[in-house]
Amino acid sequence: MRKIFTLLFLVSMLSCSTEEIVSHNYEVGEKQGVEAGFAKLRKLPYMGSMVVIKNGEIIKEEYFNEFDQDYGFNIKSSSKGFVSALIGIAIEQGYIAGVDEKISQFFPDYIDSSSDPRKHKITIKHLLTMQGGFNSDEDDFDIYYTQNWVESILKIDMGYTPGTRFTYDSKMTHLLSAILTKATGKSTLEFAQQHLFQPLNIDIKGWSQSPVGIYDGGSEMFLTSRDLSKLGLLYLNNGMYDGKQIINQAWIAESLVSRTTADLSSINVEVTGYGYSWWLETIKGKDVFSAKGACGQFVTVIPSLDLVVTTTTNWKYIAANNLDRSAGFINKFIAQYIMP
């Protein structure tokens, strides 16, 4: 199922339906209020939850269908936001020299003198920004049927010079997970528990691994909706949580700057850029950053409004009913029912 939903992430971004929940053009849609919006969400058989946090306080939280506050949702590609945070922490603690460090030093068995010279130029920044240069994209699932995903990824031919082309691909983030394990001497989960999950009081419900034990860098992390919200709060507050600096403020700022010149509007008209595993958008003229997972596992942050909106859905229902267009309404919903 992991292979299906890495593909569905981009499908849902490319061709999303409003499901008759919001006005087609939210700029002229009538403002109706949070309660009216949630009344419509209750009619959706695939909706999991929505948590709205304003000025650090939960102002609306509801779980739909069979889900509740304790349920661990598969947050899909929103997990990339956590992996990006871990890279920042590893750099601050000296495990990694910086984002310009070449990945070849972590994988000398797979990138050597016989490799395409372009592979020697790939940096951690290229992986964070989906510009690794491989001749592969999110649709290529063959590596997930192999024993060693890292080896299989690094055997993929190069298609471009690293840093010159944006191609969304969860395999890039899996390499980041492997780098964290190599650099710290701990599994990605162990490092995360010590430096991110425990400080945020996150009780992770599960996280899948490759056959050789590397935690999936691009998906398959299970969290409650409230715990997923903490990722947005952490970045909204410049790396601070509960009075403690969890991530360096400079890393937060660096992560939320677009690192590609590509026109990403074809993915979603609101998308303006892509940072270190974060989507940059504009909703009703407000700058937004978000972590997005397939079929609506989203954390949407609007700094100017001190607002975090977290959504989850029932991806199993979506799969069973071939609903690949369930996520596009979320930004419109936020604009019409939540934003002033």
Protein backbone atom coordinates (compact mmCIF):
# COMPACT_ATOMS: atom_id res chain seq x y z
CA MET A 1 0.00 0.00 0.00
CA ARG A 2 2.96 2.34 0.53
CA LYS A 3 3.66 2.30 -3.21
CA ILE A 4 0.09 3.22 -4.10
CA PHE A 5 -0.04 6.22 -1.83
CA THR A 6 3.25 7.82 -2.69
CA LEU A 7 1.73 8.07 -6.17
CA LEU A 8 -1.64 9.23 -4.84
CA PHE A 9 0.01 12.16 -3.08
CA LEU A 10 0.82 13.88 -6.35
CA VAL A 11 -2.40 12.70 -7.97
CA SER A 12 -4.39 14.26 -5.14
CA MET A 13 -2.41 17.49 -5.51
CA LEU A 14 -2.89 17.58 -9.27
CA SER A 15 -6.58 16.79 -9.59
CA CYS A 16 -8.52 17.55 -6.46
CA SER A 17 -12.24 17.90 -6.05
CA THR A 18 -14.05 20.34 -3.78
CA GLU A 19 -16.60 17.60 -3.03
CA GLU A 20 -19.24 20.39 -2.95
CA ILE A 21 -17.85 21.55 0.39
CA VAL A 22 -16.45 24.92 -0.64
CA SER A 23 -17.06 27.54 -3.29
CA HIS A 24 -15.18 26.89 -6.51
CA ASN A 25 -13.53 30.28 -6.13
CA TYR A 26 -12.97 30.84 -2.44
CA GLU A 27 -11.92 34.43 -3.06
CA VAL A 28 -15.57 35.23 -3.73
CA GLY A 29 -17.12 32.46 -1.65
CA GLU A 30 -19.33 33.51 1.22
CA LYS A 31 -17.62 33.40 4.61
CA GLN A 32 -19.64 30.96 6.73
CA GLY A 33 -17.64 30.25 9.88
CA VAL A 34 -15.95 27.27 11.50
CA GLU A 35 -19.11 25.54 12.74
CA ALA A 36 -20.72 25.62 9.31
CA GLY A 37 -17.59 24.14 7.80
CA PHE A 38 -17.33 21.32 10.31
CA ALA A 39 -20.98 20.47 9.69
CA LYS A 40 -20.01 19.74 6.09
CA LEU A 41 -16.93 17.75 7.09
CA ARG A 42 -19.16 15.41 9.10
CA LYS A 43 -20.79 14.31 5.87
CA LEU A 44 -17.53 13.03 4.38
CA PRO A 45 -17.10 9.26 4.84
CA TYR A 46 -13.32 9.51 4.41
CA MET A 47 -12.60 12.40 6.81
CA GLY A 48 -10.46 11.49 9.82
CA SER A 49 -9.94 14.66 11.81
CA MET A 50 -9.38 18.38 11.81
CA VAL A 51 -7.58 20.31 14.53
CA VAL A 52 -7.54 24.12 14.43
CA ILE A 53 -5.00 25.91 16.64
CA LYS A 54 -5.09 29.70 16.97
CA ASN A 55 -2.62 31.66 19.09
CA GLY A 56 -1.35 28.41 20.57
CA GLU A 57 -4.79 27.21 21.71
CA ILE A 58 -7.02 24.56 20.17
CA ILE A 59 -10.15 26.41 19.09
CA LYS A 60 -11.76 23.50 17.26
CA GLU A 61 -11.00 19.78 17.22
CA GLU A 62 -13.17 17.03 15.86
CA TYR A 63 -12.81 13.40 14.83
CA PHE A 64 -15.00 11.86 12.21
CA ASN A 65 -16.37 8.43 11.38
CA GLU A 66 -14.62 5.73 13.45
CA PHE A 67 -11.61 7.84 14.50
CA ASP A 68 -10.80 9.43 17.85
CA GLN A 69 -8.14 11.51 19.58
CA ASP A 70 -5.95 8.49 20.34
CA TYR A 71 -5.89 7.07 16.83
CA GLY A 72 -2.51 6.88 15.10
CA PHE A 73 -2.98 8.09 11.53
CA ASN A 74 -0.53 7.20 8.79
CA ILE A 75 0.63 10.74 8.03
CA LYS A 76 2.22 9.69 4.73
CA SER A 77 4.56 12.33 3.29
CA SER A 78 4.00 14.77 6.14
CA SER A 79 6.67 12.66 7.84
CA LYS A 80 9.18 14.40 5.57
CA GLY A 81 8.79 17.47 7.76
CA PHE A 82 10.01 15.49 10.77
CA VAL A 83 12.96 14.03 8.85
CA SER A 84 13.93 17.52 7.70
CA ALA A 85 13.80 18.71 11.32
CA LEU A 86 16.06 15.83 12.35
CA ILE A 87 18.61 16.81 9.71
CA GLY A 88 18.67 20.31 11.19
CA ILE A 89 19.19 18.92 14.68
CA ALA A 90 21.96 16.60 13.48
CA ILE A 91 23.75 19.55 11.87
CA GLU A 92 23.43 21.67 15.01
CA GLN A 93 24.86 18.85 17.11
CA GLY A 94 27.80 18.30 14.78
CA TYR A 95 26.86 14.90 13.40
CA ILE A 96 26.56 16.41 9.91
CA ALA A 97 28.76 19.27 8.69
CA GLY A 98 25.98 21.06 6.83
CA VAL A 99 23.51 20.85 3.97
CA ASP A 100 26.29 21.16 1.41
CA GLU A 101 27.92 17.95 2.59
CA LYS A 102 28.20 15.39 -0.22
CA ILE A 103 26.15 12.25 0.31
CA SER A 104 28.90 10.11 -1.25
CA GLN A 105 30.82 10.19 2.02
CA PHE A 106 27.94 8.37 3.73
CA PHE A 107 27.63 5.74 1.00
CA PRO A 108 31.14 4.90 -0.20
CA ASP A 109 30.06 1.35 -1.04
CA TYR A 110 27.50 2.64 -3.54
CA ILE A 111 29.06 5.85 -4.87
CA ASP A 112 32.65 5.21 -5.89
CA SER A 113 35.13 6.00 -8.65
CA SER A 114 33.09 4.03 -11.17
CA SER A 115 29.89 5.99 -10.49
CA ASP A 116 28.47 8.76 -12.66
CA PRO A 117 30.46 11.89 -11.68
CA ARG A 118 27.17 13.68 -11.06
CA LYS A 119 26.43 11.36 -8.15
CA HIS A 120 29.52 12.71 -6.40
CA LYS A 121 27.96 16.18 -6.55
CA ILE A 122 24.72 15.29 -4.75
CA THR A 123 24.42 17.07 -1.41
CA ILE A 124 22.07 16.82 1.53
CA LYS A 125 20.47 20.06 0.34
CA HIS A 126 19.66 18.45 -2.99
CA LEU A 127 17.80 15.66 -1.20
CA LEU A 128 15.94 18.07 1.09
CA THR A 129 14.77 20.09 -1.92
CA MET A 130 13.91 17.20 -4.29
CA GLN A 131 16.71 18.09 -6.70
CA GLY A 132 18.89 14.98 -6.51
CA GLY A 133 19.12 14.65 -10.27
CA PHE A 134 18.15 10.98 -10.49
CA ASN A 135 16.28 9.70 -13.52
CA SER A 136 13.37 8.73 -11.30
CA ASP A 137 10.26 10.17 -9.70
CA GLU A 138 7.46 9.31 -7.27
CA ASP A 139 5.93 6.86 -9.74
CA ASP A 140 8.96 4.54 -9.73
CA PHE A 141 8.27 1.95 -7.05
CA ASP A 142 10.58 -0.90 -7.99
CA ILE A 143 13.11 -0.13 -5.28
CA TYR A 144 10.52 -0.84 -2.58
CA TYR A 145 10.46 -4.47 -3.67
CA THR A 146 14.20 -4.85 -3.08
CA GLN A 147 16.05 -5.82 0.07
CA ASN A 148 18.24 -2.73 0.33
CA TRP A 149 16.38 0.42 -0.68
CA VAL A 150 19.39 2.71 -0.30
CA GLU A 151 21.55 0.60 -2.59
CA SER A 152 18.73 0.39 -5.13
CA ILE A 153 18.14 4.15 -5.08
CA LEU A 154 21.80 4.94 -5.56
CA LYS A 155 21.97 2.55 -8.53
CA ILE A 156 19.37 4.62 -10.40
CA ASP A 157 20.87 6.43 -13.39
CA MET A 158 21.32 10.16 -13.23
CA GLY A 159 19.09 12.24 -15.46
CA TYR A 160 20.17 15.76 -14.53
CA THR A 161 22.87 17.71 -12.78
CA PRO A 162 21.97 17.84 -9.06
CA GLY A 163 20.30 21.09 -8.08
CA THR A 164 18.95 21.91 -11.53
CA ARG A 165 15.54 20.19 -11.62
CA PHE A 166 12.73 19.72 -9.07
CA THR A 167 11.30 16.19 -9.09
CA TYR A 168 9.16 15.17 -6.14
CA ASP A 169 10.38 11.76 -4.99
CA SER A 170 10.08 10.15 -1.55
CA LYS A 171 13.21 8.13 -2.26
CA MET A 172 15.24 11.29 -1.67
CA THR A 173 13.94 11.57 1.87
CA HIS A 174 14.63 7.90 2.49
CA LEU A 175 18.28 8.62 1.74
CA LEU A 176 18.13 11.35 4.40
CA SER A 177 16.91 8.79 6.93
CA ALA A 178 19.82 6.53 6.02
CA ILE A 179 22.24 9.45 6.37
CA LEU A 180 20.89 10.20 9.85
CA THR A 181 21.52 6.58 10.85
CA LYS A 182 25.04 6.64 9.39
CA ALA A 183 25.95 10.00 10.90
CA THR A 184 24.56 9.53 14.40
CA GLY A 185 25.18 5.82 14.90
CA LYS A 186 21.54 5.50 15.97
CA SER A 187 18.42 4.52 14.09
CA THR A 188 16.39 7.46 12.83
CA LEU A 189 13.69 6.57 15.35
CA GLU A 190 16.15 6.46 18.28
CA PHE A 191 17.58 9.84 17.28
CA ALA A 192 14.09 11.26 16.83
CA GLN A 193 12.89 9.96 20.18
CA GLN A 194 15.76 11.60 22.01
CA HIS A 195 15.91 14.93 20.24
CA LEU A 196 12.45 15.57 18.80
CA PHE A 197 9.62 13.30 19.89
CA GLN A 198 10.33 13.30 23.62
CA PRO A 199 10.87 17.09 23.80
CA LEU A 200 7.57 17.54 21.94
CA ASN A 201 5.85 14.91 24.08
CA ILE A 202 5.00 12.94 20.94
CA ASP A 203 3.92 9.34 21.38
CA ILE A 204 4.71 7.81 18.02
CA LYS A 205 2.33 4.97 17.18
CA GLY A 206 4.46 3.29 14.54
CA TRP A 207 6.99 3.81 11.78
CA SER A 208 7.79 1.33 9.02
CA GLN A 209 11.31 0.22 8.12
CA SER A 210 12.99 -1.08 5.01
CA PRO A 211 13.95 -4.77 5.02
CA VAL A 212 17.44 -3.84 6.28
CA GLY A 213 16.06 -1.72 9.12
CA ILE A 214 16.28 1.88 7.86
CA TYR A 215 13.20 3.84 8.88
CA ASP A 216 11.14 4.97 5.91
CA GLY A 217 12.20 8.55 5.32
CA GLY A 218 9.33 9.45 3.05
CA SER A 219 6.20 7.97 4.60
CA GLU A 220 4.60 5.40 6.89
CA MET A 221 4.86 7.26 10.19
CA PHE A 222 1.83 6.96 12.51
CA LEU A 223 0.82 9.80 14.83
CA THR A 224 -2.26 11.22 16.49
CA SER A 225 -3.62 14.40 14.97
CA ARG A 226 -2.57 16.43 18.00
CA ASP A 227 0.99 15.12 17.77
CA LEU A 228 1.11 15.90 14.07
CA SER A 229 -0.02 19.43 14.92
CA LYS A 230 3.07 19.87 17.07
CA LEU A 231 5.26 19.85 13.97
CA GLY A 232 3.41 22.90 12.67
CA LEU A 233 3.53 24.62 16.06
CA LEU A 234 7.26 23.98 16.34
CA TYR A 235 7.97 25.67 13.02
CA LEU A 236 5.45 28.44 13.61
CA ASN A 237 7.30 29.31 16.81
CA ASN A 238 10.77 29.29 15.26
CA GLY A 239 11.82 25.99 16.79
CA MET A 240 10.52 26.72 20.29
CA TYR A 241 8.15 24.41 22.14
CA ASP A 242 7.01 24.67 25.74
CA GLY A 243 9.66 27.27 26.46
CA LYS A 244 12.54 25.21 25.05
CA GLN A 245 14.50 25.69 21.83
CA ILE A 246 14.17 22.29 20.14
CA ILE A 247 15.52 23.31 16.74
CA ASN A 248 17.84 26.16 15.89
CA GLN A 249 15.85 29.19 14.75
CA ALA A 250 18.18 29.66 11.79
CA TRP A 251 17.30 26.18 10.54
CA ILE A 252 13.60 26.99 10.66
CA ALA A 253 14.11 30.14 8.60
CA GLU A 254 16.37 28.34 6.14
CA SER A 255 13.84 25.54 5.72
CA LEU A 256 11.01 27.85 4.74
CA VAL A 257 12.71 29.56 1.80
CA SER A 258 11.96 28.21 -1.66
CA ARG A 259 14.95 26.35 -3.04
CA THR A 260 13.71 25.81 -6.57
CA THR A 261 13.04 28.12 -9.49
CA ALA A 262 10.60 25.62 -10.99
CA ASP A 263 7.00 26.67 -11.58
CA LEU A 264 5.07 24.42 -9.16
CA SER A 265 1.65 25.89 -9.90
CA SER A 266 0.80 22.82 -11.97
CA ILE A 267 0.91 20.79 -8.75
CA ASN A 268 -1.51 23.17 -7.07
CA VAL A 269 -2.34 26.74 -8.03
CA GLU A 270 -1.55 27.88 -4.49
CA VAL A 271 1.96 26.38 -4.40
CA THR A 272 4.70 28.99 -4.76
CA GLY A 273 7.79 27.00 -3.83
CA TYR A 274 9.44 24.16 -1.95
CA GLY A 275 11.93 24.51 0.90
CA TYR A 276 13.58 21.83 3.00
CA SER A 277 10.71 19.31 2.63
CA TRP A 278 8.09 22.02 3.20
CA TRP A 279 5.59 23.25 0.62
CA LEU A 280 5.27 27.04 0.35
CA GLU A 281 1.89 28.42 -0.65
CA THR A 282 -0.36 31.46 -0.68
CA ILE A 283 -3.97 31.35 0.55
CA LYS A 284 -6.07 34.50 0.28
CA GLY A 285 -2.90 36.55 -0.04
CA LYS A 286 -1.34 35.06 3.12
CA ASP A 287 1.98 33.23 3.07
CA VAL A 288 1.57 29.62 4.12
CA PHE A 289 3.87 26.67 4.67
CA SER A 290 2.71 23.10 4.92
CA ALA A 291 3.70 19.47 5.26
CA LYS A 292 1.54 17.36 2.99
CA GLY A 293 0.85 13.65 2.92
CA ALA A 294 -1.21 11.67 0.43
CA CYS A 295 -4.99 12.08 0.50
CA GLY A 296 -5.11 14.90 3.02
CA GLN A 297 -2.66 14.23 5.85
CA PHE A 298 -1.74 17.92 6.07
CA VAL A 299 -0.27 20.40 8.52
CA THR A 300 -1.00 23.90 7.23
CA VAL A 301 0.60 26.89 8.95
CA ILE A 302 -0.34 30.54 8.39
CA PRO A 303 2.19 32.56 10.43
CA SER A 304 0.55 35.97 10.03
CA LEU A 305 -2.62 34.59 11.64
CA ASP A 306 -0.81 32.45 14.24
CA LEU A 307 -2.83 29.56 12.83
CA VAL A 308 -2.15 25.84 12.45
CA VAL A 309 -4.68 23.53 10.80
CA THR A 310 -4.11 19.79 10.83
CA THR A 311 -6.17 17.37 8.78
CA THR A 312 -6.17 13.60 8.45
CA THR A 313 -8.25 11.25 6.35
CA ASN A 314 -9.08 7.57 6.03
CA TRP A 315 -6.76 6.57 3.22
CA LYS A 316 -8.05 2.98 3.30
CA TYR A 317 -11.53 4.22 2.42
CA ILE A 318 -10.04 6.36 -0.33
CA ALA A 319 -8.20 3.36 -1.76
CA ALA A 320 -11.22 1.07 -1.61
CA ASN A 321 -13.40 3.63 -3.38
CA ASN A 322 -10.77 4.82 -5.85
CA LEU A 323 -10.99 8.38 -4.53
CA ASP A 324 -7.78 10.02 -5.61
CA ARG A 325 -9.05 13.60 -5.43
CA SER A 326 -9.78 14.07 -1.76
CA ALA A 327 -7.16 16.62 -0.71
CA GLY A 328 -7.60 19.65 -2.93
CA PHE A 329 -10.48 21.11 -0.98
CA ILE A 330 -8.47 21.61 2.20
CA ASN A 331 -6.86 24.97 1.35
CA LYS A 332 -10.20 26.21 0.06
CA PHE A 333 -11.91 24.99 3.23
CA ILE A 334 -9.37 26.87 5.37
CA ALA A 335 -9.92 30.01 3.33
CA GLN A 336 -13.68 29.89 3.41
CA TYR A 337 -14.42 28.59 6.89
CA ILE A 338 -11.39 29.29 9.10
CA MET A 339 -9.50 32.35 7.89
CA PRO A 340 -10.99 35.75 8.75
